[in-house]
Amino acid sequence: MIQNNPVEMLGLLAGTLTTLSFLPQVLRVWQTCSARDLSFPWIIIFTNGIFLWLLYGLAKNSPAIILANGVTLFLMMVILYFKIKYR
């Protein structure tokens, strides 16, 4: 259980903060209709890394890793979509 595991709670807090750090970028790209300043290779490499972290979290059955990387992967997919759309 998450509430009985302080290490998992720490992971959830860390994951929440790092995941939320992508939200302003997603909103900025959406509002400006521009993703020109974002590196396409960075987006691809980072998105693949997040996907692998998600698989790792699933293999370890870690809610903190699964949740943080699942949400971050979604946000990165939105950024990738805008990067392609606003080329």
PDB file of N, CA and C in Angstrom:
ATOM      1  N   MET A   1       0.824  -1.191   0.000  1.00  0.00           N
ATOM      2  CA  MET A   1       0.000   0.000   0.000  1.00  0.00           C
ATOM      3  C   MET A   1       0.864   1.249   0.000  1.00  0.00           C
ATOM      4  N   ILE A   2       0.396   2.273  -0.674  1.00  0.00           N
ATOM      5  CA  ILE A   2       1.155   3.510  -0.770  1.00  0.00           C
ATOM      6  C   ILE A   2       1.229   4.220   0.581  1.00  0.00           C
ATOM      7  N   GLN A   3       0.107   4.352   1.287  1.00  0.00           N
ATOM      8  CA  GLN A   3       0.096   5.140   2.519  1.00  0.00           C
ATOM      9  C   GLN A   3       0.941   4.521   3.631  1.00  0.00           C
ATOM     10  N   ASN A   4       1.236   3.251   3.553  1.00  0.00           N
ATOM     11  CA  ASN A   4       2.042   2.597   4.574  1.00  0.00           C
ATOM     12  C   ASN A   4       3.512   2.507   4.203  1.00  0.00           C
ATOM     13  N   ASN A   5       3.892   3.118   3.095  1.00  0.00           N
ATOM     14  CA  ASN A   5       5.259   3.008   2.616  1.00  0.00           C
ATOM     15  C   ASN A   5       5.849   4.406   2.430  1.00  0.00           C
ATOM     16  N   PRO A   6       6.660   4.884   3.394  1.00  0.00           N
ATOM     17  CA  PRO A   6       7.206   6.234   3.285  1.00  0.00           C
ATOM     18  C   PRO A   6       8.121   6.414   2.075  1.00  0.00           C
ATOM     19  N   VAL A   7       8.798   5.363   1.659  1.00  0.00           N
ATOM     20  CA  VAL A   7       9.659   5.473   0.481  1.00  0.00           C
ATOM     21  C   VAL A   7       8.814   5.687  -0.770  1.00  0.00           C
ATOM     22  N   GLU A   8       7.696   4.989  -0.871  1.00  0.00           N
ATOM     23  CA  GLU A   8       6.802   5.160  -2.013  1.00  0.00           C
ATOM     24  C   GLU A   8       6.181   6.561  -1.997  1.00  0.00           C
ATOM     25  N   MET A   9       5.860   7.067  -0.801  1.00  0.00           N
ATOM     26  CA  MET A   9       5.333   8.430  -0.676  1.00  0.00           C
ATOM     27  C   MET A   9       6.363   9.451  -1.153  1.00  0.00           C
ATOM     28  N   LEU A  10       7.631   9.238  -0.792  1.00  0.00           N
ATOM     29  CA  LEU A  10       8.709  10.109  -1.258  1.00  0.00           C
ATOM     30  C   LEU A  10       8.790  10.063  -2.783  1.00  0.00           C
ATOM     31  N   GLY A  11       8.672   8.881  -3.341  1.00  0.00           N
ATOM     32  CA  GLY A  11       8.688   8.729  -4.794  1.00  0.00           C
ATOM     33  C   GLY A  11       7.515   9.437  -5.440  1.00  0.00           C
ATOM     34  N   LEU A  12       6.350   9.354  -4.836  1.00  0.00           N
ATOM     35  CA  LEU A  12       5.172  10.047  -5.373  1.00  0.00           C
ATOM     36  C   LEU A  12       5.355  11.566  -5.345  1.00  0.00           C
ATOM     37  N   LEU A  13       5.922  12.083  -4.262  1.00  0.00           N
ATOM     38  CA  LEU A  13       6.171  13.521  -4.177  1.00  0.00           C
ATOM     39  C   LEU A  13       7.188  13.960  -5.219  1.00  0.00           C
ATOM     40  N   ALA A  14       8.279  13.229  -5.340  1.00  0.00           N
ATOM     41  CA  ALA A  14       9.298  13.555  -6.337  1.00  0.00           C
ATOM     42  C   ALA A  14       8.727  13.465  -7.747  1.00  0.00           C
ATOM     43  N   GLY A  15       7.978  12.424  -8.014  1.00  0.00           N
ATOM     44  CA  GLY A  15       7.364  12.254  -9.334  1.00  0.00           C
ATOM     45  C   GLY A  15       6.367  13.344  -9.646  1.00  0.00           C
ATOM     46  N   THR A  16       5.600  13.757  -8.646  1.00  0.00           N
ATOM     47  CA  THR A  16       4.620  14.825  -8.846  1.00  0.00           C
ATOM     48  C   THR A  16       5.319  16.124  -9.226  1.00  0.00           C
ATOM     49  N   LEU A  17       6.374  16.471  -8.503  1.00  0.00           N
ATOM     50  CA  LEU A  17       7.082  17.719  -8.783  1.00  0.00           C
ATOM     51  C   LEU A  17       7.759  17.711 -10.153  1.00  0.00           C
ATOM     52  N   THR A  18       8.442  16.621 -10.477  1.00  0.00           N
ATOM     53  CA  THR A  18       9.125  16.580 -11.770  1.00  0.00           C
ATOM     54  C   THR A  18       8.126  16.517 -12.925  1.00  0.00           C
ATOM     55  N   THR A  19       7.025  15.823 -12.732  1.00  0.00           N
ATOM     56  CA  THR A  19       6.000  15.749 -13.774  1.00  0.00           C
ATOM     57  C   THR A  19       5.337  17.103 -13.983  1.00  0.00           C
ATOM     58  N   LEU A  20       5.000  17.771 -12.889  1.00  0.00           N
ATOM     59  CA  LEU A  20       4.363  19.086 -13.003  1.00  0.00           C
ATOM     60  C   LEU A  20       5.270  20.117 -13.667  1.00  0.00           C
ATOM     61  N   SER A  21       6.579  19.887 -13.635  1.00  0.00           N
ATOM     62  CA  SER A  21       7.499  20.839 -14.264  1.00  0.00           C
ATOM     63  C   SER A  21       7.308  20.895 -15.781  1.00  0.00           C
ATOM     64  N   PHE A  22       6.711  19.883 -16.372  1.00  0.00           N
ATOM     65  CA  PHE A  22       6.466  19.881 -17.815  1.00  0.00           C
ATOM     66  C   PHE A  22       5.186  20.619 -18.193  1.00  0.00           C
ATOM     67  N   LEU A  23       4.291  20.795 -17.259  1.00  0.00           N
ATOM     68  CA  LEU A  23       3.017  21.433 -17.551  1.00  0.00           C
ATOM     69  C   LEU A  23       3.167  22.858 -18.089  1.00  0.00           C
ATOM     70  N   PRO A  24       4.007  23.715 -17.497  1.00  0.00           N
ATOM     71  CA  PRO A  24       4.165  25.061 -18.071  1.00  0.00           C
ATOM     72  C   PRO A  24       4.672  25.039 -19.514  1.00  0.00           C
ATOM     73  N   GLN A  25       5.532  24.082 -19.841  1.00  0.00           N
ATOM     74  CA  GLN A  25       6.032  23.996 -21.215  1.00  0.00           C
ATOM     75  C   GLN A  25       4.922  23.595 -22.170  1.00  0.00           C
ATOM     76  N   VAL A  26       4.119  22.626 -21.769  1.00  0.00           N
ATOM     77  CA  VAL A  26       2.990  22.205 -22.605  1.00  0.00           C
ATOM     78  C   VAL A  26       2.044  23.380 -22.823  1.00  0.00           C
ATOM     79  N   LEU A  27       1.726  24.101 -21.762  1.00  0.00           N
ATOM     80  CA  LEU A  27       0.825  25.251 -21.885  1.00  0.00           C
ATOM     81  C   LEU A  27       1.425  26.343 -22.763  1.00  0.00           C
ATOM     82  N   ARG A  28       2.724  26.574 -22.632  1.00  0.00           N
ATOM     83  CA  ARG A  28       3.394  27.606 -23.447  1.00  0.00           C
ATOM     84  C   ARG A  28       3.348  27.248 -24.936  1.00  0.00           C
ATOM     85  N   VAL A  29       3.650  26.003 -25.246  1.00  0.00           N
ATOM     86  CA  VAL A  29       3.624  25.565 -26.646  1.00  0.00           C
ATOM     87  C   VAL A  29       2.206  25.673 -27.196  1.00  0.00           C
ATOM     88  N   TRP A  30       1.231  25.303 -26.400  1.00  0.00           N
ATOM     89  CA  TRP A  30      -0.170  25.361 -26.824  1.00  0.00           C
ATOM     90  C   TRP A  30      -0.616  26.810 -27.044  1.00  0.00           C
ATOM     91  N   GLN A  31      -0.273  27.701 -26.113  1.00  0.00           N
ATOM     92  CA  GLN A  31      -0.698  29.095 -26.213  1.00  0.00           C
ATOM     93  C   GLN A  31      -0.022  29.839 -27.355  1.00  0.00           C
ATOM     94  N   THR A  32       1.264  29.562 -27.574  1.00  0.00           N
ATOM     95  CA  THR A  32       2.005  30.282 -28.607  1.00  0.00           C
ATOM     96  C   THR A  32       1.922  29.615 -29.981  1.00  0.00           C
ATOM     97  N   CYS A  33       1.408  28.393 -29.999  1.00  0.00           N
ATOM     98  CA  CYS A  33       1.356  27.603 -31.245  1.00  0.00           C
ATOM     99  C   CYS A  33       2.739  27.488 -31.864  1.00  0.00           C
ATOM    100  N   SER A  34       3.739  27.340 -31.015  1.00  0.00           N
ATOM    101  CA  SER A  34       5.115  27.214 -31.498  1.00  0.00           C
ATOM    102  C   SER A  34       5.900  26.289 -30.583  1.00  0.00           C
ATOM    103  N   ALA A  35       6.591  25.362 -31.200  1.00  0.00           N
ATOM    104  CA  ALA A  35       7.507  24.485 -30.472  1.00  0.00           C
ATOM    105  C   ALA A  35       8.893  24.572 -31.109  1.00  0.00           C
ATOM    106  N   ARG A  36       9.124  25.683 -31.800  1.00  0.00           N
ATOM    107  CA  ARG A  36      10.362  25.864 -32.560  1.00  0.00           C
ATOM    108  C   ARG A  36      11.612  25.750 -31.688  1.00  0.00           C
ATOM    109  N   ASP A  37      11.552  26.251 -30.473  1.00  0.00           N
ATOM    110  CA  ASP A  37      12.732  26.259 -29.614  1.00  0.00           C
ATOM    111  C   ASP A  37      13.004  24.926 -28.924  1.00  0.00           C
ATOM    112  N   LEU A  38      12.132  23.964 -29.107  1.00  0.00           N
ATOM    113  CA  LEU A  38      12.342  22.655 -28.507  1.00  0.00           C
ATOM    114  C   LEU A  38      13.036  21.733 -29.501  1.00  0.00           C
ATOM    115  N   SER A  39      14.078  21.100 -29.056  1.00  0.00           N
ATOM    116  CA  SER A  39      14.858  20.204 -29.903  1.00  0.00           C
ATOM    117  C   SER A  39      14.084  18.917 -30.176  1.00  0.00           C
ATOM    118  N   PHE A  40      13.914  18.599 -31.452  1.00  0.00           N
ATOM    119  CA  PHE A  40      13.220  17.363 -31.823  1.00  0.00           C
ATOM    120  C   PHE A  40      13.957  16.124 -31.298  1.00  0.00           C
ATOM    121  N   PRO A  41      15.305  16.059 -31.458  1.00  0.00           N
ATOM    122  CA  PRO A  41      16.003  14.887 -30.900  1.00  0.00           C
ATOM    123  C   PRO A  41      15.809  14.756 -29.385  1.00  0.00           C
ATOM    124  N   TRP A  42      15.808  15.883 -28.654  1.00  0.00           N
ATOM    125  CA  TRP A  42      15.578  15.828 -27.208  1.00  0.00           C
ATOM    126  C   TRP A  42      14.206  15.237 -26.917  1.00  0.00           C
ATOM    127  N   ILE A  43      13.188  15.692 -27.640  1.00  0.00           N
ATOM    128  CA  ILE A  43      11.831  15.190 -27.422  1.00  0.00           C
ATOM    129  C   ILE A  43      11.778  13.677 -27.630  1.00  0.00           C
ATOM    130  N   ILE A  44      12.375  13.210 -28.709  1.00  0.00           N
ATOM    131  CA  ILE A  44      12.356  11.771 -29.036  1.00  0.00           C
ATOM    132  C   ILE A  44      13.125  10.963 -27.986  1.00  0.00           C
ATOM    133  N   ILE A  45      14.323  11.402 -27.648  1.00  0.00           N
ATOM    134  CA  ILE A  45      15.144  10.670 -26.685  1.00  0.00           C
ATOM    135  C   ILE A  45      14.476  10.659 -25.307  1.00  0.00           C
ATOM    136  N   PHE A  46      14.016  11.818 -24.864  1.00  0.00           N
ATOM    137  CA  PHE A  46      13.402  11.910 -23.543  1.00  0.00           C
ATOM    138  C   PHE A  46      12.110  11.097 -23.476  1.00  0.00           C
ATOM    139  N   THR A  47      11.293  11.171 -24.508  1.00  0.00           N
ATOM    140  CA  THR A  47      10.040  10.414 -24.537  1.00  0.00           C
ATOM    141  C   THR A  47      10.305   8.916 -24.470  1.00  0.00           C
ATOM    142  N   ASN A  48      11.302   8.451 -25.198  1.00  0.00           N
ATOM    143  CA  ASN A  48      11.656   7.026 -25.140  1.00  0.00           C
ATOM    144  C   ASN A  48      12.176   6.642 -23.762  1.00  0.00           C
ATOM    145  N   GLY A  49      12.960   7.511 -23.140  1.00  0.00           N
ATOM    146  CA  GLY A  49      13.439   7.252 -21.789  1.00  0.00           C
ATOM    147  C   GLY A  49      12.294   7.163 -20.796  1.00  0.00           C
ATOM    148  N   ILE A  50      11.336   8.074 -20.906  1.00  0.00           N
ATOM    149  CA  ILE A  50      10.166   8.049 -20.026  1.00  0.00           C
ATOM    150  C   ILE A  50       9.362   6.770 -20.237  1.00  0.00           C
ATOM    151  N   PHE A  51       9.214   6.359 -21.495  1.00  0.00           N
ATOM    152  CA  PHE A  51       8.502   5.115 -21.792  1.00  0.00           C
ATOM    153  C   PHE A  51       9.196   3.922 -21.121  1.00  0.00           C
ATOM    154  N   LEU A  52      10.527   3.894 -21.190  1.00  0.00           N
ATOM    155  CA  LEU A  52      11.271   2.803 -20.553  1.00  0.00           C
ATOM    156  C   LEU A  52      11.133   2.851 -19.029  1.00  0.00           C
ATOM    157  N   TRP A  53      11.121   4.066 -18.445  1.00  0.00           N
ATOM    158  CA  TRP A  53      10.883   4.191 -17.008  1.00  0.00           C
ATOM    159  C   TRP A  53       9.496   3.672 -16.644  1.00  0.00           C
ATOM    160  N   LEU A  54       8.532   3.933 -17.497  1.00  0.00           N
ATOM    161  CA  LEU A  54       7.180   3.433 -17.260  1.00  0.00           C
ATOM    162  C   LEU A  54       7.167   1.904 -17.264  1.00  0.00           C
ATOM    163  N   LEU A  55       7.839   1.311 -18.240  1.00  0.00           N
ATOM    164  CA  LEU A  55       7.940  -0.157 -18.280  1.00  0.00           C
ATOM    165  C   LEU A  55       8.641  -0.692 -17.032  1.00  0.00           C
ATOM    166  N   TYR A  56       9.684  -0.011 -16.602  1.00  0.00           N
ATOM    167  CA  TYR A  56      10.400  -0.400 -15.391  1.00  0.00           C
ATOM    168  C   TYR A  56       9.474  -0.335 -14.175  1.00  0.00           C
ATOM    169  N   GLY A  57       8.713   0.736 -14.067  1.00  0.00           N
ATOM    170  CA  GLY A  57       7.767   0.884 -12.970  1.00  0.00           C
ATOM    171  C   GLY A  57       6.723  -0.217 -12.968  1.00  0.00           C
ATOM    172  N   LEU A  58       6.254  -0.583 -14.160  1.00  0.00           N
ATOM    173  CA  LEU A  58       5.292  -1.684 -14.262  1.00  0.00           C
ATOM    174  C   LEU A  58       5.927  -3.006 -13.825  1.00  0.00           C
ATOM    175  N   ALA A  59       7.182  -3.221 -14.239  1.00  0.00           N
ATOM    176  CA  ALA A  59       7.877  -4.454 -13.863  1.00  0.00           C
ATOM    177  C   ALA A  59       8.124  -4.523 -12.355  1.00  0.00           C
ATOM    178  N   LYS A  60       8.409  -3.372 -11.742  1.00  0.00           N
ATOM    179  CA  LYS A  60       8.666  -3.309 -10.304  1.00  0.00           C
ATOM    180  C   LYS A  60       7.388  -3.151  -9.492  1.00  0.00           C
ATOM    181  N   ASN A  61       6.272  -2.931 -10.190  1.00  0.00           N
ATOM    182  CA  ASN A  61       4.981  -2.701  -9.540  1.00  0.00           C
ATOM    183  C   ASN A  61       5.057  -1.520  -8.565  1.00  0.00           C
ATOM    184  N   SER A  62       5.648  -0.425  -9.047  1.00  0.00           N
ATOM    185  CA  SER A  62       5.832   0.769  -8.226  1.00  0.00           C
ATOM    186  C   SER A  62       4.844   1.854  -8.653  1.00  0.00           C
ATOM    187  N   PRO A  63       3.817   2.116  -7.842  1.00  0.00           N
ATOM    188  CA  PRO A  63       2.841   3.140  -8.206  1.00  0.00           C
ATOM    189  C   PRO A  63       3.471   4.506  -8.467  1.00  0.00           C
ATOM    190  N   ALA A  64       4.486   4.878  -7.693  1.00  0.00           N
ATOM    191  CA  ALA A  64       5.128   6.182  -7.874  1.00  0.00           C
ATOM    192  C   ALA A  64       5.771   6.290  -9.250  1.00  0.00           C
ATOM    193  N   ILE A  65       6.500   5.279  -9.648  1.00  0.00           N
ATOM    194  CA  ILE A  65       7.176   5.295 -10.949  1.00  0.00           C
ATOM    195  C   ILE A  65       6.155   5.212 -12.075  1.00  0.00           C
ATOM    196  N   ILE A  66       5.155   4.384 -11.916  1.00  0.00           N
ATOM    197  CA  ILE A  66       4.125   4.231 -12.951  1.00  0.00           C
ATOM    198  C   ILE A  66       3.353   5.523 -13.146  1.00  0.00           C
ATOM    199  N   LEU A  67       2.892   6.112 -12.072  1.00  0.00           N
ATOM    200  CA  LEU A  67       2.082   7.324 -12.161  1.00  0.00           C
ATOM    201  C   LEU A  67       2.883   8.496 -12.727  1.00  0.00           C
ATOM    202  N   ALA A  68       4.049   8.747 -12.151  1.00  0.00           N
ATOM    203  CA  ALA A  68       4.859   9.886 -12.596  1.00  0.00           C
ATOM    204  C   ALA A  68       5.232   9.760 -14.066  1.00  0.00           C
ATOM    205  N   ASN A  69       5.686   8.595 -14.465  1.00  0.00           N
ATOM    206  CA  ASN A  69       6.137   8.434 -15.842  1.00  0.00           C
ATOM    207  C   ASN A  69       4.980   8.290 -16.821  1.00  0.00           C
ATOM    208  N   GLY A  70       3.861   7.767 -16.368  1.00  0.00           N
ATOM    209  CA  GLY A  70       2.679   7.720 -17.232  1.00  0.00           C
ATOM    210  C   GLY A  70       2.180   9.110 -17.571  1.00  0.00           C
ATOM    211  N   VAL A  71       2.102   9.970 -16.563  1.00  0.00           N
ATOM    212  CA  VAL A  71       1.648  11.345 -16.799  1.00  0.00           C
ATOM    213  C   VAL A  71       2.684  12.118 -17.609  1.00  0.00           C
ATOM    214  N   THR A  72       3.959  11.962 -17.265  1.00  0.00           N
ATOM    215  CA  THR A  72       5.015  12.647 -18.018  1.00  0.00           C
ATOM    216  C   THR A  72       5.024  12.184 -19.468  1.00  0.00           C
ATOM    217  N   LEU A  73       4.832  10.899 -19.701  1.00  0.00           N
ATOM    218  CA  LEU A  73       4.776  10.395 -21.072  1.00  0.00           C
ATOM    219  C   LEU A  73       3.624  11.043 -21.831  1.00  0.00           C
ATOM    220  N   PHE A  74       2.478  11.174 -21.193  1.00  0.00           N
ATOM    221  CA  PHE A  74       1.348  11.851 -21.831  1.00  0.00           C
ATOM    222  C   PHE A  74       1.710  13.294 -22.181  1.00  0.00           C
ATOM    223  N   LEU A  75       2.310  14.017 -21.248  1.00  0.00           N
ATOM    224  CA  LEU A  75       2.686  15.408 -21.510  1.00  0.00           C
ATOM    225  C   LEU A  75       3.715  15.501 -22.636  1.00  0.00           C
ATOM    226  N   MET A  76       4.645  14.586 -22.671  1.00  0.00           N
ATOM    227  CA  MET A  76       5.644  14.593 -23.746  1.00  0.00           C
ATOM    228  C   MET A  76       5.005  14.254 -25.088  1.00  0.00           C
ATOM    229  N   MET A  77       4.011  13.397 -25.091  1.00  0.00           N
ATOM    230  CA  MET A  77       3.314  13.092 -26.339  1.00  0.00           C
ATOM    231  C   MET A  77       2.567  14.329 -26.849  1.00  0.00           C
ATOM    232  N   VAL A  78       2.029  15.124 -25.919  1.00  0.00           N
ATOM    233  CA  VAL A  78       1.377  16.375 -26.308  1.00  0.00           C
ATOM    234  C   VAL A  78       2.406  17.320 -26.908  1.00  0.00           C
ATOM    235  N   ILE A  79       3.573  17.441 -26.283  1.00  0.00           N
ATOM    236  CA  ILE A  79       4.637  18.291 -26.824  1.00  0.00           C
ATOM    237  C   ILE A  79       5.076  17.787 -28.193  1.00  0.00           C
ATOM    238  N   LEU A  80       5.234  16.489 -28.348  1.00  0.00           N
ATOM    239  CA  LEU A  80       5.614  15.910 -29.644  1.00  0.00           C
ATOM    240  C   LEU A  80       4.554  16.210 -30.700  1.00  0.00           C
ATOM    241  N   TYR A  81       3.301  16.087 -30.333  1.00  0.00           N
ATOM    242  CA  TYR A  81       2.207  16.406 -31.254  1.00  0.00           C
ATOM    243  C   TYR A  81       2.310  17.862 -31.720  1.00  0.00           C
ATOM    244  N   PHE A  82       2.501  18.773 -30.772  1.00  0.00           N
ATOM    245  CA  PHE A  82       2.603  20.187 -31.132  1.00  0.00           C
ATOM    246  C   PHE A  82       3.875  20.459 -31.950  1.00  0.00           C
ATOM    247  N   LYS A  83       4.947  19.792 -31.640  1.00  0.00           N
ATOM    248  CA  LYS A  83       6.200  19.969 -32.395  1.00  0.00           C
ATOM    249  C   LYS A  83       5.969  19.598 -33.861  1.00  0.00           C
ATOM    250  N   ILE A  84       5.263  18.512 -34.098  1.00  0.00           N
ATOM    251  CA  ILE A  84       4.969  18.078 -35.478  1.00  0.00           C
ATOM    252  C   ILE A  84       3.940  18.986 -36.118  1.00  0.00           C
ATOM    253  N   LYS A  85       2.899  19.321 -35.385  1.00  0.00           N
ATOM    254  CA  LYS A  85       1.815  20.149 -35.925  1.00  0.00           C
ATOM    255  C   LYS A  85       2.273  21.550 -36.301  1.00  0.00           C
ATOM    256  N   TYR A  86       3.114  22.165 -35.475  1.00  0.00           N
ATOM    257  CA  TYR A  86       3.514  23.560 -35.690  1.00  0.00           C
ATOM    258  C   TYR A  86       4.865  23.694 -36.382  1.00  0.00           C
ATOM    259  N   ARG A  87       5.297  22.690 -37.111  1.00  0.00           N
ATOM    260  CA  ARG A  87       6.572  22.758 -37.837  1.00  0.00           C
ATOM    261  C   ARG A  87       6.638  23.881 -38.787  1.00  0.00           C
TER     262      ARG A  87
END
